[in-house]
Amino acid sequence: MKNVLIINGHEPYSFAPGELNASLVSQVSNFFSSRGAEVSITETAKAFDIEEELEKHVQADFIFYQFPIYWMGPPWRMKKYIDDVYTAGTNGPLCDNDGRSSRAPKHNYGSGGTRSDTKYMLSVTLNAPAEAFDDPNEYLLEGRSLDDLLLPMHTTARFFKMQPQPTFAAFDVIKNPELETDFDRLNSMLKALV
């Protein structure tokens, strides 16, 4: 991978200043930089230029989304980033409209993406234990997987025809963190990509 865009979607709070997400971003940046890739990092909690972000997406052959799960989804400024940048990218840099045609206006919605050469990976931190997922006996998620929870992010990437890579998660990061193991797992997953 020659051009890597890392999007750090952490939203800082006094109880969660973002050190873990920043450390994961640093690990990924160092990993790809050491292999000769050009790495660009965007922090969605800071001001950004929409046109500059679109250009980063056009140049990227790999996009790494790093964010915590807050209330079962990405933080609000990450969602705002997606709304602002990806809306500006329709009918141009990221897709040719929504894929429908005047001949078939009710079919092929979401198939107009132009980023089929771009791979992406979701990496999340969350307080939920891994055991909360994929178990129909667990109360909140009722057997849903982590990728089920992340379906809106995956569907957004699919809208632009980006190619998914395995999702990474650091589970239980507040009550029972296993950070050294998490960093090792992420490193192994990154090595499998290149």
Protein backbone atom coordinates (compact mmCIF):
# COMPACT_ATOMS: atom_id res chain seq x y z
CA MET A 1 0.00 0.00 0.00
CA LYS A 2 1.48 3.26 -1.13
CA ASN A 3 -0.92 5.90 0.17
CA VAL A 4 -2.57 5.41 3.54
CA LEU A 5 -5.19 7.67 5.08
CA ILE A 6 -5.78 7.25 8.79
CA ILE A 7 -8.92 8.84 10.19
CA ASN A 8 -8.86 9.23 13.97
CA GLY A 9 -12.46 9.68 15.02
CA HIS A 10 -11.87 9.94 18.75
CA GLU A 11 -14.00 12.50 20.54
CA PRO A 12 -12.16 13.62 23.69
CA TYR A 13 -13.87 13.68 27.07
CA SER A 14 -12.34 14.19 30.51
CA PHE A 15 -12.86 10.49 31.26
CA ALA A 16 -11.54 9.45 27.82
CA PRO A 17 -8.87 11.84 26.52
CA GLY A 18 -8.04 9.60 23.56
CA GLU A 19 -4.67 8.12 24.48
CA LEU A 20 -5.55 4.60 23.37
CA ASN A 21 -6.96 5.67 20.00
CA ALA A 22 -3.94 7.96 19.46
CA SER A 23 -1.60 5.07 20.30
CA LEU A 24 -3.35 2.78 17.82
CA VAL A 25 -3.17 5.50 15.16
CA SER A 26 0.54 5.90 15.88
CA GLN A 27 1.09 2.16 15.61
CA VAL A 28 -0.65 2.00 12.24
CA SER A 29 1.16 5.09 10.97
CA ASN A 30 4.55 3.69 12.00
CA PHE A 31 3.72 0.30 10.49
CA PHE A 32 2.95 1.70 7.04
CA SER A 33 5.61 4.43 7.11
CA SER A 34 8.28 1.82 7.85
CA ARG A 35 7.16 0.03 4.67
CA GLY A 36 7.55 3.14 2.52
CA ALA A 37 3.94 4.29 2.39
CA GLU A 38 2.90 7.93 2.42
CA VAL A 39 0.71 8.28 5.50
CA SER A 40 -1.80 11.05 6.10
CA ILE A 41 -3.67 11.42 9.42
CA THR A 42 -6.90 13.30 9.98
CA GLU A 43 -8.38 13.93 13.42
CA THR A 44 -12.11 14.50 13.10
CA ALA A 45 -12.26 16.39 16.42
CA LYS A 46 -10.12 19.12 14.82
CA ALA A 47 -10.99 21.48 11.98
CA PHE A 48 -10.55 20.00 8.52
CA ASP A 49 -10.82 21.19 4.93
CA ILE A 50 -13.39 19.19 2.92
CA GLU A 51 -11.59 19.51 -0.42
CA GLU A 52 -8.29 18.49 1.16
CA GLU A 53 -9.96 15.46 2.75
CA LEU A 54 -11.51 14.46 -0.57
CA GLU A 55 -8.09 14.62 -2.21
CA LYS A 56 -6.69 12.38 0.55
CA HIS A 57 -9.45 9.86 -0.20
CA VAL A 58 -8.73 9.97 -3.93
CA GLN A 59 -5.01 9.38 -3.32
CA ALA A 60 -5.48 6.64 -0.70
CA ASP A 61 -5.30 2.99 -1.59
CA PHE A 62 -5.95 2.14 2.08
CA ILE A 63 -8.13 3.97 4.59
CA PHE A 64 -7.88 3.09 8.28
CA TYR A 65 -10.76 4.30 10.45
CA GLN A 66 -9.89 4.44 14.15
CA PHE A 67 -12.61 5.40 16.59
CA PRO A 68 -14.24 4.53 19.89
CA ILE A 69 -17.76 3.19 20.02
CA TYR A 70 -19.91 5.71 21.87
CA TRP A 71 -23.52 4.67 22.39
CA MET A 72 -23.33 1.98 19.73
CA GLY A 73 -21.82 4.13 16.99
CA PRO A 74 -18.99 6.49 16.06
CA PRO A 75 -18.58 9.81 17.89
CA TRP A 76 -20.59 12.72 16.55
CA ARG A 77 -17.70 14.64 15.00
CA MET A 78 -16.63 11.55 13.09
CA LYS A 79 -20.19 11.26 11.79
CA LYS A 80 -20.09 14.97 10.88
CA TYR A 81 -16.80 14.38 9.03
CA ILE A 82 -18.42 11.56 7.07
CA ASP A 83 -21.50 13.66 6.35
CA ASP A 84 -19.47 16.66 5.19
CA VAL A 85 -16.71 14.93 3.23
CA TYR A 86 -18.67 12.08 1.71
CA THR A 87 -21.60 14.26 0.70
CA ALA A 88 -19.15 16.54 -1.10
CA GLY A 89 -17.62 13.47 -2.75
CA THR A 90 -20.79 12.27 -4.44
CA ASN A 91 -21.13 13.10 -8.12
CA GLY A 92 -17.38 13.37 -8.45
CA PRO A 93 -14.36 12.20 -6.50
CA LEU A 94 -15.91 9.21 -4.70
CA CYS A 95 -18.84 8.09 -6.85
CA ASP A 96 -20.84 8.71 -9.97
CA ASN A 97 -24.14 9.54 -8.35
CA ASP A 98 -25.92 6.75 -6.47
CA GLY A 99 -25.76 4.14 -9.25
CA ARG A 100 -29.33 4.38 -10.49
CA SER A 101 -30.17 5.40 -14.04
CA SER A 102 -33.17 7.03 -15.68
CA ARG A 103 -33.88 3.65 -17.33
CA ALA A 104 -33.98 1.88 -13.96
CA PRO A 105 -34.64 4.50 -11.27
CA LYS A 106 -35.69 1.93 -8.67
CA HIS A 107 -32.68 -0.41 -9.02
CA ASN A 108 -28.96 -0.45 -8.26
CA TYR A 109 -29.09 2.14 -5.49
CA GLY A 110 -25.64 2.57 -3.99
CA SER A 111 -23.73 1.01 -6.89
CA GLY A 112 -22.15 4.18 -8.31
CA GLY A 113 -18.94 4.11 -6.29
CA THR A 114 -15.60 4.67 -8.00
CA ARG A 115 -13.18 3.66 -5.20
CA SER A 116 -12.96 -0.07 -5.95
CA ASP A 117 -9.14 0.06 -5.72
CA THR A 118 -9.33 1.42 -2.17
CA LYS A 119 -9.23 -0.97 0.78
CA TYR A 120 -10.49 0.06 4.20
CA MET A 121 -10.31 -1.23 7.73
CA LEU A 122 -12.39 -0.36 10.76
CA SER A 123 -10.60 -0.34 14.11
CA VAL A 124 -12.63 0.38 17.20
CA THR A 125 -12.20 0.66 20.93
CA LEU A 126 -15.10 -0.13 23.20
CA ASN A 127 -15.94 -0.92 26.78
CA ALA A 128 -18.05 -3.93 25.89
CA PRO A 129 -16.34 -7.29 26.34
CA ALA A 130 -15.91 -9.49 23.28
CA GLU A 131 -18.32 -11.93 24.90
CA ALA A 132 -21.18 -9.43 24.51
CA PHE A 133 -21.18 -10.20 20.78
CA ASP A 134 -22.33 -13.26 18.84
CA ASP A 135 -24.18 -14.73 21.82
CA PRO A 136 -27.99 -14.80 21.58
CA ASN A 137 -28.16 -15.07 25.37
CA GLU A 138 -26.44 -11.73 25.90
CA TYR A 139 -28.99 -9.05 26.75
CA LEU A 140 -28.09 -5.96 24.74
CA LEU A 141 -26.88 -7.26 21.39
CA GLU A 142 -28.97 -10.44 21.24
CA GLY A 143 -26.42 -12.41 19.22
CA ARG A 144 -25.32 -9.63 16.88
CA SER A 145 -21.70 -9.45 15.78
CA LEU A 146 -19.39 -6.46 16.02
CA ASP A 147 -19.67 -5.99 12.26
CA ASP A 148 -23.47 -5.96 12.63
CA LEU A 149 -23.03 -3.04 15.03
CA LEU A 150 -20.71 -1.37 12.50
CA LEU A 151 -23.02 -1.98 9.54
CA PRO A 152 -23.61 1.75 8.86
CA MET A 153 -19.84 2.30 8.49
CA HIS A 154 -19.44 -0.75 6.25
CA THR A 155 -22.45 0.26 4.15
CA THR A 156 -21.07 3.77 3.70
CA ALA A 157 -17.75 2.35 2.46
CA ARG A 158 -19.63 -0.05 0.17
CA PHE A 159 -21.52 2.92 -1.32
CA PHE A 160 -18.15 4.08 -2.68
CA LYS A 161 -17.12 0.48 -3.60
CA MET A 162 -14.26 0.42 -1.09
CA GLN A 163 -13.03 -3.08 -0.27
CA PRO A 164 -13.39 -4.24 3.38
CA GLN A 165 -10.58 -5.74 5.38
CA PRO A 166 -11.08 -7.57 8.70
CA THR A 167 -12.33 -5.38 11.55
CA PHE A 168 -10.11 -4.85 14.59
CA ALA A 169 -11.47 -4.21 18.07
CA ALA A 170 -9.93 -3.52 21.45
CA PHE A 171 -12.67 -4.75 23.78
CA ASP A 172 -13.36 -3.99 27.44
CA VAL A 173 -10.88 -1.09 27.42
CA ILE A 174 -12.16 0.54 30.60
CA LYS A 175 -13.01 -2.32 32.95
CA ASN A 176 -10.65 -5.08 31.79
CA PRO A 177 -8.11 -3.76 29.28
CA GLU A 178 -5.61 -6.11 27.63
CA LEU A 179 -3.74 -3.44 25.71
CA GLU A 180 -0.50 -5.30 25.07
CA THR A 181 -2.46 -8.17 23.56
CA ASP A 182 -4.55 -5.70 21.56
CA PHE A 183 -1.47 -4.03 20.06
CA ASP A 184 -0.01 -7.43 19.16
CA ARG A 185 -3.27 -8.53 17.51
CA LEU A 186 -3.46 -5.32 15.48
CA ASN A 187 0.14 -5.74 14.34
CA SER A 188 -0.61 -9.29 13.19
CA MET A 189 -3.67 -8.11 11.29
CA LEU A 190 -1.69 -5.35 9.58
CA LYS A 191 1.05 -7.80 8.56
CA ALA A 192 -1.62 -10.01 6.97
CA LEU A 193 -2.72 -7.06 4.78
CA VAL A 194 0.63 -6.38 3.13
